[in-house]
């Protein structure tokens, strides 16, 4: 039986395009809804056994079932409905990775849940019996797409602004970013949104939220997370978590504990 979950760093030649492979096999979860939270990466999911049943929280009409899909950058949770089992591979794409590997800027995919057609790669992954074998299939698929992709050019000002938001943990001010790249704040926001699908202020907010989520998952007290991630206070963190994650920090951590405990049993 496959381990409940396993991670691997993609091939070195994919650095800057794909940040993580995560395989998961949970077969004894309480049936319900899992929250897929915003991040500064686009998420690709390949599902086995049954398709992924997912929708945006604010748009029930977006609900669909996908064997392979990509979700663009978003500022609300995706609601993943399941009957007690989840089995698939998830990978995180950078905005540059979206351009190179999917042939589209992140801005064109923002807020979308898009079915991907990967017939040969899907069959190869489904037939594999270990996570490393499945990750090897992904490496071959993505390396081939990267090798055949047209050259990608993104304005250096936008690359700098995105990098600064990530490196500052979302604490850099948009006005400072605009000064650094020599654009007006309005022009930066317009061009940034065209490329990434979210504005720089929203990207910084999601970056702070993502860092806070990681600290909560590591067991850091909520008040300490708020202070370390630049929130005014614990109440500010809770409001942001409800807006972006659809639940309170405590509720989300409880959901994650359920998954970890299941993984321990299944493994």
C-alpha atoms as a PDB file:
ATOM      1  CA  UNK A   1       0.000   0.000   0.000  1.00  0.00           C
ATOM      2  CA  UNK A   2       1.178   3.524  -0.753  1.00  0.00           C
ATOM      3  CA  UNK A   3       2.345   5.640   2.195  1.00  0.00           C
ATOM      4  CA  UNK A   4      -0.307   8.176   3.247  1.00  0.00           C
ATOM      5  CA  UNK A   5       1.762  11.027   1.898  1.00  0.00           C
ATOM      6  CA  UNK A   6       5.152  11.702   0.377  1.00  0.00           C
ATOM      7  CA  UNK A   7       6.907  14.807  -0.960  1.00  0.00           C
ATOM      8  CA  UNK A   8       9.728  15.358  -3.398  1.00  0.00           C
ATOM      9  CA  UNK A   9      11.496  18.326  -4.939  1.00  0.00           C
ATOM     10  CA  UNK A  10      11.060  18.359  -8.733  1.00  0.00           C
ATOM     11  CA  UNK A  11      13.999  17.864 -11.123  1.00  0.00           C
ATOM     12  CA  UNK A  12      16.627  20.591 -10.799  1.00  0.00           C
ATOM     13  CA  UNK A  13      15.928  21.783 -14.359  1.00  0.00           C
ATOM     14  CA  UNK A  14      12.402  22.706 -13.225  1.00  0.00           C
ATOM     15  CA  UNK A  15      13.650  25.048 -10.504  1.00  0.00           C
ATOM     16  CA  UNK A  16      11.757  28.328 -10.635  1.00  0.00           C
ATOM     17  CA  UNK A  17       8.823  26.644 -12.384  1.00  0.00           C
ATOM     18  CA  UNK A  18       7.609  23.965  -9.961  1.00  0.00           C
ATOM     19  CA  UNK A  19       8.252  24.080  -6.225  1.00  0.00           C
ATOM     20  CA  UNK A  20       6.875  20.843  -4.823  1.00  0.00           C
ATOM     21  CA  UNK A  21       5.385  17.416  -5.543  1.00  0.00           C
ATOM     22  CA  UNK A  22       3.055  16.032  -2.883  1.00  0.00           C
ATOM     23  CA  UNK A  23       1.479  12.601  -3.120  1.00  0.00           C
ATOM     24  CA  UNK A  24      -1.351  11.734  -0.721  1.00  0.00           C
ATOM     25  CA  UNK A  25      -3.483   8.662  -0.044  1.00  0.00           C
ATOM     26  CA  UNK A  26      -6.065   8.989   2.714  1.00  0.00           C
ATOM     27  CA  UNK A  27      -8.738   6.308   2.943  1.00  0.00           C
ATOM     28  CA  UNK A  28     -10.256   6.716   6.406  1.00  0.00           C
ATOM     29  CA  UNK A  29     -11.108  10.390   6.758  1.00  0.00           C
ATOM     30  CA  UNK A  30     -14.417  11.583   8.167  1.00  0.00           C
ATOM     31  CA  UNK A  31     -16.531  12.435   5.128  1.00  0.00           C
ATOM     32  CA  UNK A  32     -16.910  16.167   4.657  1.00  0.00           C
ATOM     33  CA  UNK A  33     -15.357  19.243   3.107  1.00  0.00           C
ATOM     34  CA  UNK A  34     -11.660  20.110   3.062  1.00  0.00           C
ATOM     35  CA  UNK A  35     -10.528  23.723   2.614  1.00  0.00           C
ATOM     36  CA  UNK A  36      -8.050  24.420  -0.178  1.00  0.00           C
ATOM     37  CA  UNK A  37      -6.509  27.704   0.908  1.00  0.00           C
ATOM     38  CA  UNK A  38      -5.051  30.580  -1.144  1.00  0.00           C
ATOM     39  CA  UNK A  39      -1.320  30.763  -1.761  1.00  0.00           C
ATOM     40  CA  UNK A  40       1.104  32.491  -4.098  1.00  0.00           C
ATOM     41  CA  UNK A  41       1.394  29.311  -6.184  1.00  0.00           C
ATOM     42  CA  UNK A  42      -0.946  27.846  -8.772  1.00  0.00           C
ATOM     43  CA  UNK A  43      -2.074  24.371  -7.777  1.00  0.00           C
ATOM     44  CA  UNK A  44      -2.236  21.372 -10.090  1.00  0.00           C
ATOM     45  CA  UNK A  45      -4.013  18.248  -8.807  1.00  0.00           C
ATOM     46  CA  UNK A  46      -4.071  14.829 -10.438  1.00  0.00           C
ATOM     47  CA  UNK A  47      -6.680  12.640  -8.750  1.00  0.00           C
ATOM     48  CA  UNK A  48      -6.881   8.832  -8.671  1.00  0.00           C
ATOM     49  CA  UNK A  49      -9.709   6.417  -7.777  1.00  0.00           C
ATOM     50  CA  UNK A  50     -12.320   9.170  -8.158  1.00  0.00           C
ATOM     51  CA  UNK A  51     -12.258  12.701  -9.551  1.00  0.00           C
ATOM     52  CA  UNK A  52     -11.662  15.715  -7.353  1.00  0.00           C
ATOM     53  CA  UNK A  53     -14.989  17.339  -6.392  1.00  0.00           C
ATOM     54  CA  UNK A  54     -14.238  21.036  -5.902  1.00  0.00           C
ATOM     55  CA  UNK A  55     -15.829  24.492  -6.010  1.00  0.00           C
ATOM     56  CA  UNK A  56     -15.065  28.039  -4.943  1.00  0.00           C
ATOM     57  CA  UNK A  57     -16.742  28.881  -1.660  1.00  0.00           C
ATOM     58  CA  UNK A  58     -18.467  31.981  -3.100  1.00  0.00           C
ATOM     59  CA  UNK A  59     -19.628  30.268  -6.298  1.00  0.00           C
ATOM     60  CA  UNK A  60     -21.492  26.948  -5.911  1.00  0.00           C
ATOM     61  CA  UNK A  61     -21.991  26.917  -9.687  1.00  0.00           C
ATOM     62  CA  UNK A  62     -18.232  26.444 -10.116  1.00  0.00           C
ATOM     63  CA  UNK A  63     -18.452  22.985  -8.580  1.00  0.00           C
ATOM     64  CA  UNK A  64     -17.101  20.284 -10.843  1.00  0.00           C
ATOM     65  CA  UNK A  65     -15.327  16.938 -10.879  1.00  0.00           C
ATOM     66  CA  UNK A  66     -11.821  16.761 -12.317  1.00  0.00           C
ATOM     67  CA  UNK A  67      -9.327  13.938 -12.840  1.00  0.00           C
ATOM     68  CA  UNK A  68      -6.625  16.537 -13.487  1.00  0.00           C
ATOM     69  CA  UNK A  69      -6.985  20.280 -12.948  1.00  0.00           C
ATOM     70  CA  UNK A  70      -5.250  23.568 -12.229  1.00  0.00           C
ATOM     71  CA  UNK A  71      -6.523  26.296  -9.957  1.00  0.00           C
ATOM     72  CA  UNK A  72      -5.284  29.810 -10.619  1.00  0.00           C
ATOM     73  CA  UNK A  73      -4.288  32.286  -7.943  1.00  0.00           C
ATOM     74  CA  UNK A  74      -7.284  33.074  -5.769  1.00  0.00           C
ATOM     75  CA  UNK A  75      -8.272  34.977  -2.630  1.00  0.00           C
ATOM     76  CA  UNK A  76     -10.901  32.609  -1.259  1.00  0.00           C
ATOM     77  CA  UNK A  77     -10.973  28.954  -0.274  1.00  0.00           C
ATOM     78  CA  UNK A  78     -11.752  26.097  -2.600  1.00  0.00           C
ATOM     79  CA  UNK A  79     -14.137  23.609  -1.019  1.00  0.00           C
ATOM     80  CA  UNK A  80     -13.110  20.010  -1.694  1.00  0.00           C
ATOM     81  CA  UNK A  81     -15.956  17.568  -1.083  1.00  0.00           C
ATOM     82  CA  UNK A  82     -15.038  13.973  -0.274  1.00  0.00           C
ATOM     83  CA  UNK A  83     -16.548  10.775   1.117  1.00  0.00           C
ATOM     84  CA  UNK A  84     -13.680   9.848   3.394  1.00  0.00           C
ATOM     85  CA  UNK A  85     -10.968   9.139   0.822  1.00  0.00           C
ATOM     86  CA  UNK A  86      -8.577  11.344  -1.124  1.00  0.00           C
ATOM     87  CA  UNK A  87      -5.879   9.978  -3.418  1.00  0.00           C
ATOM     88  CA  UNK A  88      -3.777  12.057  -5.777  1.00  0.00           C
ATOM     89  CA  UNK A  89      -0.716  14.114  -6.547  1.00  0.00           C
ATOM     90  CA  UNK A  90      -0.522  17.859  -6.031  1.00  0.00           C
ATOM     91  CA  UNK A  91       2.137  20.161  -7.425  1.00  0.00           C
ATOM     92  CA  UNK A  92       2.715  23.881  -7.009  1.00  0.00           C
ATOM     93  CA  UNK A  93       3.528  26.048 -10.022  1.00  0.00           C
ATOM     94  CA  UNK A  94       5.115  29.476  -9.880  1.00  0.00           C
ATOM     95  CA  UNK A  95       3.634  32.183 -12.132  1.00  0.00           C
ATOM     96  CA  UNK A  96       6.596  31.657 -14.465  1.00  0.00           C
ATOM     97  CA  UNK A  97       5.838  27.936 -14.382  1.00  0.00           C
ATOM     98  CA  UNK A  98       2.296  28.668 -15.560  1.00  0.00           C
ATOM     99  CA  UNK A  99       3.653  30.560 -18.555  1.00  0.00           C
ATOM    100  CA  UNK A 100       6.220  27.926 -19.475  1.00  0.00           C
ATOM    101  CA  UNK A 101       4.380  24.705 -18.663  1.00  0.00           C
ATOM    102  CA  UNK A 102       0.754  25.685 -19.299  1.00  0.00           C
ATOM    103  CA  UNK A 103       1.372  28.276 -21.986  1.00  0.00           C
ATOM    104  CA  UNK A 104      -0.654  30.954 -20.207  1.00  0.00           C
ATOM    105  CA  UNK A 105       0.105  33.770 -17.773  1.00  0.00           C
ATOM    106  CA  UNK A 106      -1.134  33.325 -14.227  1.00  0.00           C
ATOM    107  CA  UNK A 107      -3.472  36.257 -14.864  1.00  0.00           C
ATOM    108  CA  UNK A 108      -5.435  34.238 -17.428  1.00  0.00           C
ATOM    109  CA  UNK A 109      -6.045  31.470 -14.871  1.00  0.00           C
ATOM    110  CA  UNK A 110      -6.799  33.591 -11.794  1.00  0.00           C
ATOM    111  CA  UNK A 111      -9.896  32.453  -9.933  1.00  0.00           C
ATOM    112  CA  UNK A 112     -10.442  29.562 -12.344  1.00  0.00           C
ATOM    113  CA  UNK A 113     -10.740  25.796 -11.886  1.00  0.00           C
ATOM    114  CA  UNK A 114      -9.579  24.375 -15.219  1.00  0.00           C
ATOM    115  CA  UNK A 115      -9.582  20.740 -16.320  1.00  0.00           C
ATOM    116  CA  UNK A 116      -6.258  19.528 -17.739  1.00  0.00           C
ATOM    117  CA  UNK A 117      -5.938  16.834 -20.399  1.00  0.00           C
ATOM    118  CA  UNK A 118      -2.975  14.558 -19.566  1.00  0.00           C
ATOM    119  CA  UNK A 119      -4.005  11.176 -20.999  1.00  0.00           C
ATOM    120  CA  UNK A 120      -0.633   9.451 -21.392  1.00  0.00           C
ATOM    121  CA  UNK A 121       0.940  10.912 -18.264  1.00  0.00           C
ATOM    122  CA  UNK A 122      -2.223  10.184 -16.272  1.00  0.00           C
ATOM    123  CA  UNK A 123      -2.283   6.548 -17.329  1.00  0.00           C
ATOM    124  CA  UNK A 124       1.422   6.196 -16.486  1.00  0.00           C
ATOM    125  CA  UNK A 125       0.947   7.705 -13.036  1.00  0.00           C
ATOM    126  CA  UNK A 126      -2.141   5.626 -12.325  1.00  0.00           C
ATOM    127  CA  UNK A 127      -0.231   2.450 -13.264  1.00  0.00           C
ATOM    128  CA  UNK A 128       2.773   3.301 -11.066  1.00  0.00           C
ATOM    129  CA  UNK A 129       2.897   1.578  -7.694  1.00  0.00           C
ATOM    130  CA  UNK A 130       5.148   3.966  -5.742  1.00  0.00           C
ATOM    131  CA  UNK A 131       5.232   7.728  -5.233  1.00  0.00           C
ATOM    132  CA  UNK A 132       8.776   8.053  -6.643  1.00  0.00           C
ATOM    133  CA  UNK A 133       7.606   6.368  -9.858  1.00  0.00           C
ATOM    134  CA  UNK A 134       4.724   8.826 -10.124  1.00  0.00           C
ATOM    135  CA  UNK A 135       7.031  11.766  -9.446  1.00  0.00           C
ATOM    136  CA  UNK A 136       9.370  10.461 -12.169  1.00  0.00           C
ATOM    137  CA  UNK A 137       6.440  10.566 -14.626  1.00  0.00           C
ATOM    138  CA  UNK A 138       5.783  14.180 -13.659  1.00  0.00           C
ATOM    139  CA  UNK A 139       9.453  15.059 -14.122  1.00  0.00           C
ATOM    140  CA  UNK A 140       9.459  13.596 -17.637  1.00  0.00           C
ATOM    141  CA  UNK A 141       6.190  15.301 -18.563  1.00  0.00           C
ATOM    142  CA  UNK A 142       7.206  18.739 -17.286  1.00  0.00           C
ATOM    143  CA  UNK A 143      10.762  18.579 -18.602  1.00  0.00           C
ATOM    144  CA  UNK A 144       9.351  17.805 -22.035  1.00  0.00           C
ATOM    145  CA  UNK A 145       6.923  20.731 -21.844  1.00  0.00           C
ATOM    146  CA  UNK A 146       9.665  23.084 -20.667  1.00  0.00           C
ATOM    147  CA  UNK A 147      11.982  21.999 -23.499  1.00  0.00           C
ATOM    148  CA  UNK A 148       9.326  22.630 -26.159  1.00  0.00           C
ATOM    149  CA  UNK A 149       7.985  25.907 -24.728  1.00  0.00           C
ATOM    150  CA  UNK A 150       8.377  29.207 -26.542  1.00  0.00           C
ATOM    151  CA  UNK A 151      10.757  31.706 -24.872  1.00  0.00           C
ATOM    152  CA  UNK A 152       8.976  33.606 -22.096  1.00  0.00           C
ATOM    153  CA  UNK A 153       9.515  37.275 -21.390  1.00  0.00           C
ATOM    154  CA  UNK A 154       8.029  39.035 -18.358  1.00  0.00           C
ATOM    155  CA  UNK A 155       8.736  42.672 -17.582  1.00  0.00           C
ATOM    156  CA  UNK A 156      11.610  42.959 -15.122  1.00  0.00           C
ATOM    157  CA  UNK A 157       9.599  45.396 -12.993  1.00  0.00           C
ATOM    158  CA  UNK A 158       6.910  42.776 -12.475  1.00  0.00           C
ATOM    159  CA  UNK A 159       9.421  40.042 -11.691  1.00  0.00           C
ATOM    160  CA  UNK A 160      11.065  42.347  -9.140  1.00  0.00           C
ATOM    161  CA  UNK A 161       7.750  43.260  -7.505  1.00  0.00           C
ATOM    162  CA  UNK A 162       6.695  39.606  -7.227  1.00  0.00           C
ATOM    163  CA  UNK A 163      10.066  38.602  -5.801  1.00  0.00           C
ATOM    164  CA  UNK A 164      10.032  41.431  -3.243  1.00  0.00           C
ATOM    165  CA  UNK A 165       6.587  40.433  -2.004  1.00  0.00           C
ATOM    166  CA  UNK A 166       7.736  36.857  -1.518  1.00  0.00           C
ATOM    167  CA  UNK A 167      11.075  37.775   0.057  1.00  0.00           C
ATOM    168  CA  UNK A 168       9.495  40.275   2.465  1.00  0.00           C
ATOM    169  CA  UNK A 169       6.889  37.728   3.621  1.00  0.00           C
ATOM    170  CA  UNK A 170       4.224  40.081   2.317  1.00  0.00           C
ATOM    171  CA  UNK A 171       5.318  43.006   4.497  1.00  0.00           C
ATOM    172  CA  UNK A 172       6.564  45.350   1.745  1.00  0.00           C
ATOM    173  CA  UNK A 173       4.274  48.319   0.991  1.00  0.00           C
ATOM    174  CA  UNK A 174       2.880  48.750  -2.517  1.00  0.00           C
ATOM    175  CA  UNK A 175       4.022  52.392  -2.518  1.00  0.00           C
ATOM    176  CA  UNK A 176       7.578  51.249  -1.837  1.00  0.00           C
ATOM    177  CA  UNK A 177       7.348  48.658  -4.619  1.00  0.00           C
ATOM    178  CA  UNK A 178       6.185  51.322  -7.045  1.00  0.00           C
ATOM    179  CA  UNK A 179       9.139  53.547  -6.089  1.00  0.00           C
ATOM    180  CA  UNK A 180      11.565  50.664  -6.538  1.00  0.00           C
ATOM    181  CA  UNK A 181      10.431  49.898 -10.094  1.00  0.00           C
ATOM    182  CA  UNK A 182       9.906  53.542 -11.105  1.00  0.00           C
ATOM    183  CA  UNK A 183       6.198  53.235 -11.836  1.00  0.00           C
ATOM    184  CA  UNK A 184       3.171  54.922 -10.319  1.00  0.00           C
ATOM    185  CA  UNK A 185       1.268  52.845  -7.804  1.00  0.00           C
ATOM    186  CA  UNK A 186      -1.710  52.696 -10.166  1.00  0.00           C
ATOM    187  CA  UNK A 187       0.373  51.587 -13.149  1.00  0.00           C
ATOM    188  CA  UNK A 188       2.118  48.918 -11.066  1.00  0.00           C
ATOM    189  CA  UNK A 189      -1.211  47.589  -9.809  1.00  0.00           C
ATOM    190  CA  UNK A 190      -2.670  47.430 -13.318  1.00  0.00           C
ATOM    191  CA  UNK A 191       0.324  45.715 -14.902  1.00  0.00           C
ATOM    192  CA  UNK A 192       0.823  43.372 -11.925  1.00  0.00           C
ATOM    193  CA  UNK A 193      -2.841  42.322 -12.033  1.00  0.00           C
ATOM    194  CA  UNK A 194      -2.680  41.695 -15.783  1.00  0.00           C
ATOM    195  CA  UNK A 195       0.279  39.339 -15.309  1.00  0.00           C
ATOM    196  CA  UNK A 196      -0.648  37.563 -12.082  1.00  0.00           C
ATOM    197  CA  UNK A 197      -4.428  37.934 -11.812  1.00  0.00           C
ATOM    198  CA  UNK A 198      -4.231  39.553  -8.389  1.00  0.00           C
ATOM    199  CA  UNK A 199      -2.909  42.976  -7.394  1.00  0.00           C
ATOM    200  CA  UNK A 200       0.282  43.526  -5.386  1.00  0.00           C
ATOM    201  CA  UNK A 201      -1.660  44.412  -2.234  1.00  0.00           C
ATOM    202  CA  UNK A 202      -3.674  41.208  -2.546  1.00  0.00           C
ATOM    203  CA  UNK A 203      -0.535  39.170  -3.273  1.00  0.00           C
ATOM    204  CA  UNK A 204       1.131  40.561  -0.133  1.00  0.00           C
ATOM    205  CA  UNK A 205      -1.974  39.728   1.899  1.00  0.00           C
ATOM    206  CA  UNK A 206      -1.953  36.147   0.622  1.00  0.00           C
ATOM    207  CA  UNK A 207       1.783  35.834   1.333  1.00  0.00           C
ATOM    208  CA  UNK A 208       1.253  36.943   4.957  1.00  0.00           C
ATOM    209  CA  UNK A 209      -1.648  34.528   5.239  1.00  0.00           C
ATOM    210  CA  UNK A 210       0.433  31.663   3.803  1.00  0.00           C
ATOM    211  CA  UNK A 211       3.237  32.286   6.286  1.00  0.00           C
ATOM    212  CA  UNK A 212       0.738  32.443   9.127  1.00  0.00           C
ATOM    213  CA  UNK A 213      -0.778  29.142   8.017  1.00  0.00           C
ATOM    214  CA  UNK A 214       2.658  27.480   8.087  1.00  0.00           C
ATOM    215  CA  UNK A 215       3.322  28.758  11.597  1.00  0.00           C
ATOM    216  CA  UNK A 216      -0.074  27.569  12.810  1.00  0.00           C
ATOM    217  CA  UNK A 217       0.582  24.146  11.279  1.00  0.00           C
ATOM    218  CA  UNK A 218       3.881  24.048  13.175  1.00  0.00           C
ATOM    219  CA  UNK A 219       2.008  24.625  16.443  1.00  0.00           C
ATOM    220  CA  UNK A 220       2.806  28.300  16.993  1.00  0.00           C
ATOM    221  CA  UNK A 221       0.258  30.073  19.261  1.00  0.00           C
ATOM    222  CA  UNK A 222      -2.225  32.232  17.362  1.00  0.00           C
ATOM    223  CA  UNK A 223      -1.160  35.450  19.116  1.00  0.00           C
ATOM    224  CA  UNK A 224       2.492  34.804  18.215  1.00  0.00           C
ATOM    225  CA  UNK A 225       1.547  34.098  14.596  1.00  0.00           C
ATOM    226  CA  UNK A 226      -0.276  37.425  14.402  1.00  0.00           C
ATOM    227  CA  UNK A 227       2.751  39.314  15.720  1.00  0.00           C
ATOM    228  CA  UNK A 228       5.275  37.516  13.496  1.00  0.00           C
ATOM    229  CA  UNK A 229       3.242  37.920  10.297  1.00  0.00           C
ATOM    230  CA  UNK A 230       2.560  41.637  10.568  1.00  0.00           C
ATOM    231  CA  UNK A 231      -1.064  41.570  11.723  1.00  0.00           C
ATOM    232  CA  UNK A 232      -2.245  44.345  14.019  1.00  0.00           C
ATOM    233  CA  UNK A 233      -3.479  41.809  16.563  1.00  0.00           C
ATOM    234  CA  UNK A 234      -4.960  38.334  16.906  1.00  0.00           C
ATOM    235  CA  UNK A 235      -8.409  39.577  15.864  1.00  0.00           C
ATOM    236  CA  UNK A 236      -6.933  40.937  12.618  1.00  0.00           C
ATOM    237  CA  UNK A 237      -5.403  37.536  11.868  1.00  0.00           C
ATOM    238  CA  UNK A 238      -8.729  35.808  12.568  1.00  0.00           C
ATOM    239  CA  UNK A 239     -10.620  38.171  10.253  1.00  0.00           C
ATOM    240  CA  UNK A 240      -8.128  37.612   7.464  1.00  0.00           C
ATOM    241  CA  UNK A 241      -8.250  33.864   7.994  1.00  0.00           C
ATOM    242  CA  UNK A 242     -12.036  33.871   7.734  1.00  0.00           C
ATOM    243  CA  UNK A 243     -11.932  36.001   4.587  1.00  0.00           C
ATOM    244  CA  UNK A 244      -9.223  33.991   2.815  1.00  0.00           C
ATOM    245  CA  UNK A 245      -9.649  30.565   4.375  1.00  0.00           C
ATOM    246  CA  UNK A 246     -13.347  30.343   5.168  1.00  0.00           C
ATOM    247  CA  UNK A 247     -12.715  29.347   8.783  1.00  0.00           C
ATOM    248  CA  UNK A 248     -10.932  30.513  11.919  1.00  0.00           C
ATOM    249  CA  UNK A 249      -7.264  29.655  12.563  1.00  0.00           C
ATOM    250  CA  UNK A 250      -8.357  27.236  15.285  1.00  0.00           C
ATOM    251  CA  UNK A 251     -10.850  25.490  13.003  1.00  0.00           C
ATOM    252  CA  UNK A 252      -8.268  25.141  10.242  1.00  0.00           C
ATOM    253  CA  UNK A 253      -5.656  23.730  12.623  1.00  0.00           C
ATOM    254  CA  UNK A 254      -8.218  21.207  13.871  1.00  0.00           C
ATOM    255  CA  UNK A 255      -8.873  20.144  10.264  1.00  0.00           C
ATOM    256  CA  UNK A 256      -5.149  19.666   9.670  1.00  0.00           C
ATOM    257  CA  UNK A 257      -4.784  17.583  12.839  1.00  0.00           C
ATOM    258  CA  UNK A 258      -7.471  15.250  11.489  1.00  0.00           C
ATOM    259  CA  UNK A 259      -5.458  14.750   8.302  1.00  0.00           C
ATOM    260  CA  UNK A 260      -2.199  14.196  10.173  1.00  0.00           C
ATOM    261  CA  UNK A 261      -3.773  11.650  12.498  1.00  0.00           C
ATOM    262  CA  UNK A 262      -5.276   9.807   9.550  1.00  0.00           C
ATOM    263  CA  UNK A 263      -1.890   9.771   7.843  1.00  0.00           C
ATOM    264  CA  UNK A 264      -0.300   8.262  10.925  1.00  0.00           C
ATOM    265  CA  UNK A 265      -2.902   5.487  11.017  1.00  0.00           C
ATOM    266  CA  UNK A 266      -2.773   4.808   7.264  1.00  0.00           C
ATOM    267  CA  UNK A 267       1.018   4.845   7.180  1.00  0.00           C
END
